Protein backbone atom coordinates (compact mmCIF):
# COMPACT_ATOMS: atom_id res chain seq x y z
CA MET A 1 -35.69 -61.79 -47.37
CA ALA A 2 -37.96 -64.63 -45.90
CA PRO A 3 -36.09 -67.98 -46.26
CA PRO A 4 -37.40 -70.58 -48.51
CA LYS A 5 -39.31 -73.37 -46.94
CA PRO A 6 -36.94 -76.16 -45.51
CA ARG A 7 -37.56 -78.68 -48.47
CA ASP A 8 -36.85 -76.02 -50.72
CA LEU A 9 -33.91 -74.98 -49.41
CA ALA A 10 -32.50 -78.47 -48.94
CA ALA A 11 -33.00 -79.20 -52.42
CA LEU A 12 -31.06 -76.06 -53.31
CA LEU A 13 -28.33 -77.14 -51.27
CA LEU A 14 -28.14 -80.48 -52.61
CA THR A 15 -28.24 -78.96 -56.16
CA LEU A 16 -25.03 -77.01 -55.12
CA THR A 17 -23.43 -80.33 -53.59
CA VAL A 18 -23.96 -81.56 -57.10
CA VAL A 19 -22.07 -78.45 -58.59
CA THR A 20 -19.07 -79.09 -56.22
CA GLY A 21 -18.95 -82.68 -57.56
CA VAL A 22 -18.87 -81.48 -61.05
CA VAL A 23 -16.36 -78.74 -60.41
CA ASP A 24 -13.84 -80.90 -58.35
CA ALA A 25 -14.22 -83.81 -61.15
CA VAL A 26 -13.19 -81.12 -63.71
CA SER A 27 -10.09 -79.66 -61.52
CA PHE A 28 -8.75 -83.01 -60.46
CA LEU A 29 -9.14 -84.55 -63.72
CA GLY A 30 -8.33 -81.65 -65.86
CA LEU A 31 -6.19 -79.37 -64.08
CA GLY A 32 -3.37 -81.24 -62.65
CA ARG A 33 -4.78 -83.48 -59.79
CA VAL A 34 -5.93 -80.43 -57.75
CA PHE A 35 -9.35 -79.85 -56.00
CA VAL A 36 -11.10 -76.14 -56.02
CA ALA A 37 -13.50 -77.08 -53.62
CA ASN A 38 -12.26 -79.89 -51.19
CA MET A 39 -9.66 -77.98 -49.31
CA THR A 40 -8.73 -80.96 -47.00
CA GLY A 41 -7.37 -82.85 -50.28
CA ASN A 42 -5.55 -80.07 -51.10
CA VAL A 43 -3.80 -79.63 -47.88
CA VAL A 44 -2.76 -83.23 -48.30
CA PHE A 45 -1.57 -82.79 -51.76
CA LEU A 46 0.66 -80.19 -50.70
CA GLY A 47 2.04 -82.38 -48.46
CA PHE A 48 2.81 -85.34 -50.73
CA ALA A 49 4.05 -82.58 -53.42
CA ALA A 50 6.58 -81.30 -50.67
CA ALA A 51 7.94 -84.50 -50.13
CA GLY A 52 8.64 -85.22 -53.69
CA GLU A 53 5.51 -86.78 -55.50
CA THR A 54 6.17 -85.59 -59.12
CA THR A 55 2.43 -85.99 -60.22
CA LEU A 56 0.98 -83.19 -57.84
CA SER A 57 2.14 -79.59 -58.09
CA VAL A 58 2.74 -77.36 -54.89
CA LEU A 59 1.90 -74.13 -57.00
CA ALA A 60 -1.57 -75.66 -58.20
CA SER A 61 -2.55 -76.66 -54.67
CA LEU A 62 -1.57 -73.69 -53.17
CA THR A 63 -3.33 -71.47 -55.75
CA ALA A 64 -6.45 -73.42 -55.24
CA VAL A 65 -6.35 -72.98 -51.10
CA LEU A 66 -5.75 -69.10 -51.84
CA ALA A 67 -8.54 -68.48 -54.30
CA PHE A 68 -10.78 -70.45 -51.96
CA LEU A 69 -9.69 -68.32 -49.08
CA ALA A 70 -10.31 -65.22 -51.09
CA GLY A 71 -13.47 -66.51 -52.17
CA ALA A 72 -14.65 -67.44 -48.61
CA LEU A 73 -13.25 -63.99 -47.24
CA ALA A 74 -15.50 -62.25 -49.94
CA GLY A 75 -18.48 -64.33 -49.11
CA GLY A 76 -17.94 -63.88 -45.42
CA ARG A 77 -18.12 -59.86 -45.72
CA LEU A 78 -21.44 -60.56 -47.80
CA ALA A 79 -22.99 -62.84 -44.94
CA ARG A 80 -22.54 -60.20 -42.34
CA ARG A 81 -23.99 -57.30 -44.34
CA GLU A 82 -27.31 -59.49 -45.66
CA ASP A 83 -29.60 -61.86 -43.81
CA ASP A 84 -28.86 -65.38 -44.54
CA HIS A 85 -30.76 -66.09 -47.48
CA ASP A 86 -30.01 -62.82 -49.40
CA ALA A 87 -26.47 -63.43 -48.86
CA LEU A 88 -26.77 -66.61 -50.63
CA ARG A 89 -28.77 -65.26 -53.55
CA GLN A 90 -25.97 -62.73 -53.98
CA ALA A 91 -23.08 -65.16 -53.52
CA THR A 92 -24.91 -67.54 -55.98
CA ALA A 93 -24.93 -64.47 -58.77
CA VAL A 94 -21.64 -64.10 -58.00
CA GLN A 95 -20.68 -67.60 -58.26
CA ALA A 96 -22.76 -68.17 -61.58
CA ALA A 97 -20.64 -64.92 -63.03
CA LEU A 98 -17.62 -66.89 -62.15
CA ILE A 99 -18.36 -70.35 -63.46
CA ALA A 100 -19.39 -68.34 -66.82
CA VAL A 101 -15.76 -66.84 -66.91
CA ALA A 102 -14.43 -70.39 -66.30
CA VAL A 103 -16.81 -72.03 -69.28
CA ALA A 104 -15.36 -69.34 -71.60
CA LEU A 105 -11.84 -69.80 -70.53
CA SER A 106 -12.03 -73.67 -70.75
CA ALA A 107 -13.28 -73.20 -74.27
CA THR A 108 -10.76 -70.96 -75.53
CA LEU A 109 -7.51 -71.41 -73.44
CA GLY A 110 -8.32 -74.72 -72.20
CA GLY A 111 -6.70 -76.40 -69.17
CA GLY A 112 -3.66 -78.01 -71.16
CA THR A 113 -1.45 -75.13 -70.55
CA ARG A 114 -0.17 -73.66 -67.42
CA LEU A 115 -1.74 -70.11 -67.82
CA GLY A 116 -5.22 -71.70 -68.66
CA ALA A 117 -4.95 -74.04 -65.80
CA GLU A 118 -3.71 -71.66 -63.26
CA LEU A 119 -6.61 -69.18 -64.31
CA LEU A 120 -9.22 -71.87 -63.99
CA ILE A 121 -8.00 -72.90 -60.76
CA VAL A 122 -8.33 -69.32 -59.60
CA VAL A 123 -11.76 -68.30 -61.00
CA LEU A 124 -13.22 -71.89 -59.74
CA GLY A 125 -11.56 -71.53 -56.38
CA LEU A 126 -13.05 -68.25 -55.75
CA ALA A 127 -16.56 -69.53 -56.74
CA MET A 128 -16.20 -72.45 -54.61
CA GLY A 129 -15.04 -70.34 -51.48
CA LEU A 130 -18.30 -67.81 -52.02
CA GLN A 131 -20.22 -70.83 -52.06
CA ASN A 132 -18.91 -72.43 -49.09
CA ALA A 133 -19.09 -69.45 -47.05
CA ALA A 134 -22.58 -68.26 -47.95
CA VAL A 135 -23.86 -71.86 -47.26
CA ARG A 136 -21.86 -72.11 -43.84
CA ARG A 137 -24.11 -68.87 -42.83
CA ILE A 138 -27.27 -70.73 -43.09
CA GLY A 139 -26.14 -73.49 -41.06
CA ALA A 140 -27.23 -76.68 -41.97
CA PRO A 141 -24.67 -79.51 -40.83
CA ASP A 142 -25.75 -82.06 -43.02
CA LEU A 143 -25.59 -79.94 -46.26
CA THR A 144 -22.55 -78.12 -46.34
CA THR A 145 -22.39 -78.72 -50.19
CA THR A 146 -18.68 -79.17 -50.12
CA VAL A 147 -17.58 -81.27 -47.26
CA LEU A 148 -19.05 -84.85 -46.69
CA THR A 149 -16.80 -86.26 -43.74
CA MET A 150 -18.93 -84.85 -41.11
CA THR A 151 -22.00 -85.47 -43.07
CA LEU A 152 -20.72 -89.44 -43.09
CA THR A 153 -19.80 -89.16 -39.61
CA GLY A 154 -22.99 -88.04 -38.32
CA PHE A 155 -24.77 -90.64 -40.48
CA ALA A 156 -23.06 -93.41 -38.78
CA ALA A 157 -22.65 -91.77 -35.21
CA ASP A 158 -26.28 -90.33 -34.86
CA SER A 159 -27.67 -93.57 -36.32
CA LYS A 160 -30.15 -95.37 -34.20
CA ALA A 161 -27.86 -98.30 -34.32
CA ALA A 162 -25.11 -96.09 -32.53
CA GLY A 163 -27.63 -95.19 -29.91
CA GLY A 164 -28.50 -91.91 -31.62
CA PRO A 165 -31.47 -90.14 -32.56
CA GLY A 166 -31.14 -91.12 -36.32
CA SER A 167 -32.17 -87.72 -37.19
CA HIS A 168 -32.52 -86.87 -40.91
CA PRO A 169 -30.80 -89.84 -42.42
CA LEU A 170 -32.17 -89.62 -45.93
CA ARG A 171 -30.88 -85.96 -46.15
CA LYS A 172 -27.61 -87.16 -45.36
CA VAL A 173 -27.61 -90.04 -47.89
CA ALA A 174 -28.92 -87.73 -50.35
CA ALA A 175 -25.82 -85.27 -49.73
CA VAL A 176 -23.33 -88.19 -50.39
CA GLY A 177 -25.69 -89.20 -53.50
CA ALA A 178 -25.44 -85.39 -54.96
CA MET A 179 -21.88 -85.63 -54.66
CA LEU A 180 -21.42 -88.85 -56.12
CA ALA A 181 -23.78 -87.85 -59.00
CA GLY A 182 -21.82 -84.54 -59.49
CA ALA A 183 -18.59 -86.39 -59.65
CA PHE A 184 -19.91 -89.15 -61.90
CA ALA A 185 -21.38 -86.37 -64.64
CA GLY A 186 -18.51 -84.21 -64.15
CA GLY A 187 -16.04 -86.98 -64.93
CA LEU A 188 -17.74 -88.45 -67.84
CA LEU A 189 -17.93 -84.95 -69.35
CA GLN A 190 -14.33 -84.31 -68.85
CA LEU A 191 -12.98 -87.63 -70.05
CA HIS A 192 -15.43 -88.21 -72.83
CA VAL A 193 -16.70 -84.77 -74.24
CA ALA A 194 -14.97 -81.73 -73.18
CA MET A 195 -14.14 -79.33 -69.98
CA TRP A 196 -16.26 -76.67 -71.16
CA ALA A 197 -19.16 -79.09 -71.44
CA ALA A 198 -18.99 -80.18 -67.74
CA LEU A 199 -18.44 -76.67 -66.54
CA GLY A 200 -21.41 -75.62 -68.66
CA VAL A 201 -23.66 -78.17 -66.67
CA ALA A 202 -22.17 -76.72 -63.38
CA LEU A 203 -23.30 -73.26 -64.71
CA ALA A 204 -26.86 -74.43 -65.60
CA LEU A 205 -27.31 -75.89 -62.02
CA VAL A 206 -26.08 -72.68 -60.05
CA LEU A 207 -28.57 -70.63 -62.54
CA GLY A 208 -31.38 -73.00 -61.47
CA VAL A 209 -30.47 -72.51 -58.08
CA LEU A 210 -30.32 -68.62 -58.64
CA ALA A 211 -33.72 -68.45 -60.23
CA VAL A 212 -35.60 -70.01 -57.53
CA LEU A 213 -33.65 -67.59 -54.62
CA HIS A 214 -34.77 -64.68 -57.30
CA HIS A 215 -38.40 -66.07 -57.15
CA ALA A 216 -38.44 -66.37 -53.47
CA GLN A 217 -37.18 -62.69 -53.27
CA ARG A 218 -39.93 -61.53 -55.83
CA LYS A 219 -42.80 -63.13 -54.01
CA VAL A 220 -41.52 -61.43 -50.65
CA ALA A 221 -41.49 -58.18 -52.26
CA GLU A 222 -44.60 -58.49 -53.69
CA GLY A 223 -46.18 -59.74 -50.50
CA LYS A 224 -44.64 -56.45 -48.69
CA THR A 225 -46.02 -54.09 -51.68
CA SER A 226 -49.54 -55.60 -51.28
CA SER A 227 -49.26 -55.42 -47.22
CA ALA A 228 -48.39 -51.88 -47.81
CA GLU A 229 -51.35 -51.07 -50.13
CA ASP A 230 -53.65 -52.65 -47.58
CA VAL A 231 -52.41 -50.31 -44.94
CA SER A 232 -52.68 -47.31 -46.93
CA GLY A 233 -56.33 -48.36 -48.05
CA GLU A 234 -57.29 -48.89 -44.45
CA GLN A 235 -55.77 -45.79 -43.22
CA GLY A 236 -57.48 -43.71 -46.18
């Protein structure tokens, strides 16, 4: 499958960054102060919980890390069998299915019970691990969709003020803005509406990304069919 144009790809990755902000807002605010995408935070939380911080859960953080690793493992195997953008398309399809399950779980079990919270952490951790592995294969350093530390470092260290080339400053700012917007929207819905509503927004965004990737694949397939027909006609 031919890759989307650079601007289209950047827009898709920024959309997935918004999804990360929404999902992590839901998990932190609604599932017991745990992240399902930001694994750095979970590792730190594990240390805090082990030290005796009672508002944090070793079980929740460990579950999130293991679920994320399982999703990344699946995404890594997928990425090695397909080209970069087909891997993203297939991973996004599975991610959409997992977030749809999370919407259903949040609307029925909710996150207020131990069972409901743990199931949601597993499902969402799998979804975000898949996303991270597929995006990593593409290799856009400023648009990882889940980690902003290197993006912010690059914004400052690569800037002209620091003697660097100042490459892609707007893209770096857009990545930070996308995460912030997702966290704001997810937090607003989680705190004032319902968990399922926040996850529904995440699902809608992922389905939008998937629709664009499917459209790109269909155009490539039509182009190949047209080329094959032209060759056949010339030979005839």
